[in-house]
Amino acid sequence: MPPKLRPEDYTVGWVCALSVELAAAQEMLDEEHGTPQSNAYDTNIYTCGRVGEHNVVIVCLPEGQMGTNSAATVAAQMKSAFTSARFGLMVGIGGGVPNEETDIRLGDVVVSKPLKTHGGVVQYDFGKATPSGFERTGCSMPPPTILLNAVANLKAQHVRGKCRLLEYVSKLSNLPGFNREATGPDDLFETNYDHQGGSTCDKCSKRHLKTRNPRAKEVVVHYGTIASGNQVMRNAAERDKVSAELDNVLCFEMEAAGLMNSFPCLVIRGICDYADSHKNKQWQAYAAGTAAAYAKELLSVIPGAEVAKTSTVEETVQIPSRHQHSSRPSLSKEQREILLDSLRFDQIDARHMTIRNAHAKTCKWLLKSSEFLDWLDVTKLHEHHGFLWIKGKPGTGKSTLMKFVLANAYKMMKGKIMISFFFNARGEEIEKTTIGTYRSLLLQILKQLPALQKVFELPGVPELDSSDSNIHHHWEIETLKKLLEQAILGLGESSVVCFIDALDECDEEQIRDMISFFESVGELAVTNSVHFQVCFSSRHYPHITIQRGLGLVLEGKEGHAQDITNYLETELKIGKSKVAQEIRDEIQGKASGIFM
C-alpha cells in the first residue's frame, strides 16, 4: 500500500496544462502516494509521489482551460494546499522557433533561461501602446537559485555524455502514442507557406519544406527565452517577428507567465510543433514525454538536503511582493490623480442614468429569491465563487432589475464597496467594450479604496508625461486586467460587490474573455479568503456559461410574472370591470414575460 504523507511533506510542485502532459508526469514517479485531503475551497486534483529524494505533487489545469489566468489560479491553490513547496516545475509541450543559430527539432526540449531583463519567460502579449508601437512591459522572476544550480550541473553531465533523458523517455514506451515511431515526419515548412487544410500536412506541398541536415541526436536540450501568452501562436511570420523583437525566443507556450511571479519555477517544454499554421497533435505525446524526462533528470541532481534548506514558495514570493509595486518610483498624490483621471471617459455612467427606475410594485421579489439569498451568503462563496447571472429574453426588464438591485444593495450590504458597469450598444464604442468595463470598475474601486492605488506602480502602467493630455488612450486591456486583479486580491478585510449589465450588448469574444478573467479572479479570491461578488445580466445569447455560479432565468419566475401583472394594473387605466380584467389577462398572456 502506498504511503500517505502529509501535505507539508511535499517540497516540489509540478504543473501541467494537458492530460497528455499529466500522464507523462505520473509515469516519471518512482513511487505514487495517496492524495492528501485538501480544503473545501481547493478545486485541484493532485497526484502525489516521489522522484528520487523528493516528494512531488503534480497538478493539471482543468480540461479546456489553458492560459496564464488558469495557470495562476491552479498554482495559487497548490501553494495554499502544500505550504512546504520550495519551487515549481512547469512541464509540458510548446511550439519551437527554429532559426539559423538554434537547430530546434520536434521532440527537443527547451528550458527557460533567465537574462538580465527577465527571468526566462516573457509575456509577449502584455504591454502598452506607444507612438512608436507596442511596447512589452513587466518582468518575470527568475527560478530559485537551487534550480539554476541544478541546470548548470545537468548541462555539465550532458557534456560529459552522462545523459539519462532517453532512458527516462523509454519508461513511456508502454503508453499509446508516446513512442518516437508514432510521431510521423518532422516537417518544417517555409515561413510564408500556410497549412493547406486537414488534421495532418498530407495536402501540403513538400516543395515548400525547408532543407535541414540530418542530426545524430534524437533529442537536444536548448536553453533560452520562452514567450508566453493567452493565445496559441500559429502564425510563422508573427512567430519570427516576436522572436526577433525579444532577442531570439526559442519557444511559445500559454501558461508560464501566469506562474513566474507567484509560484517561482523553471519552465520545461517539449517541442511538438513549430508555432505555425501546420500544427497537429502527432508529436504532442512524445514531446510531453521528453519534457517530463528532463524534469525527472533535473530532480535527480538536486540533493534532498539542499531543498530542505531552501525558502518555501510563500517565503520567496513575499520578498518580491514587498517590492513589486516599487518597480517604478512611488507616485505622488497628484500623479495618482492624473492616472485615475485617465481611466475616466465621457458617458462612463450614461447608460445607468438613462435606465428607468423600477415601478413601485416591481422587482422586490428578486431580493427574496433563493438564488439571490444564496449569492449574498458569504459562507457559500466556495460553492458559487461569488457569481450570480440573471438571464432573460429581450424586453424582460433586466436592466431595470439590475438598477433596482444595485440601489438596494447599498442598503442591504452596508460596509461593502459597490461597483457597476452597464453596457450600452447604442453608445460610444468604449461603452460597449470590455476595455471600458475594466476602466470603469478599476476607477470605482481605486476611488473608494485609495490605499489600493499602489497598483499604479506595477509594470505596464502608462508612464506619466507632462506633454501627454490623452494618457487614457494608452491603456491596454491586459494591463487593466492585471491592475483590477491585483486591486481585488489586495482588498484585505474590505468586500467588493460588482454589477455588470447587458453582456449581450458587447462583442461575444470580448465577453468570453471577460468571463474567463472573472472566473480566474473569483477562484483566486476564494483561495485567498477575499470577499468579491459579481452579478451579471444578459439575454440568453451569447451562449456563454460560467463553471461555478448561480443562475436565475426571469421567464417562468412567479415574481417576474407578478411584476407584469402589477405594472398592467397600475399603468393600464381601463377600470376594474370584468372586461377590463380580461383585457389585462390577454395582454399579459401575449406579453410572454416581456414588458415592451
Foldseek 3Di string as FASTA:
>chain_A
DAAADALQQAAEEEEEADPLLVVLLVLQFPGWHDDHDFDLLQPWDWTWGHQALGTYIYTYFPPPDFFALSLLLNVLRSCLRRVNHQAYEYAFAWAFADDPVDHDFAQAKEKFPDDPQAQREFALPAFWADPVGTDGKDYFHHFDPLLVVLVVVVVVCVVVVNDCLVVQLVSCVVPPLQDPVQQDDTWDFDQPQAQPDDQANPVPDPVRTDDDDDDDDPYHYHYGHEYEYQDQQAHSVVVVVSCVVVPHHTTYDGHPVSDRLQGRYMYMHRHHHNSHNRDHCSRRSNSSNSRSSVVSVSVNSRDPVVSSVGDHSVVVNVVCVVCQLVPDPDDDPVVLVLLLVLLDDPCLPVVLVPQDAADPPALPVVCVDPQNVCLVDPVCCSQFLQEEEEAEAPQLCQSNNLSVVQVCCCVVVPQAQEFEAEADLPDDPLSQAVSSVLSRRLSSLCVVPVVLSSLCSHMRRDDDDPVDPNSSVTDDPVSSLVSVLSSQLPQVPHAYEYEYEANVSHDPVRVQVVLSSVLSSSSSCVSSVGHYHYYYYHYCPPVDDHPGRHYHYLQPDPSLLVSLVVCCVPPVPPDDDPVSVVVSVVVSVVCSSGPD
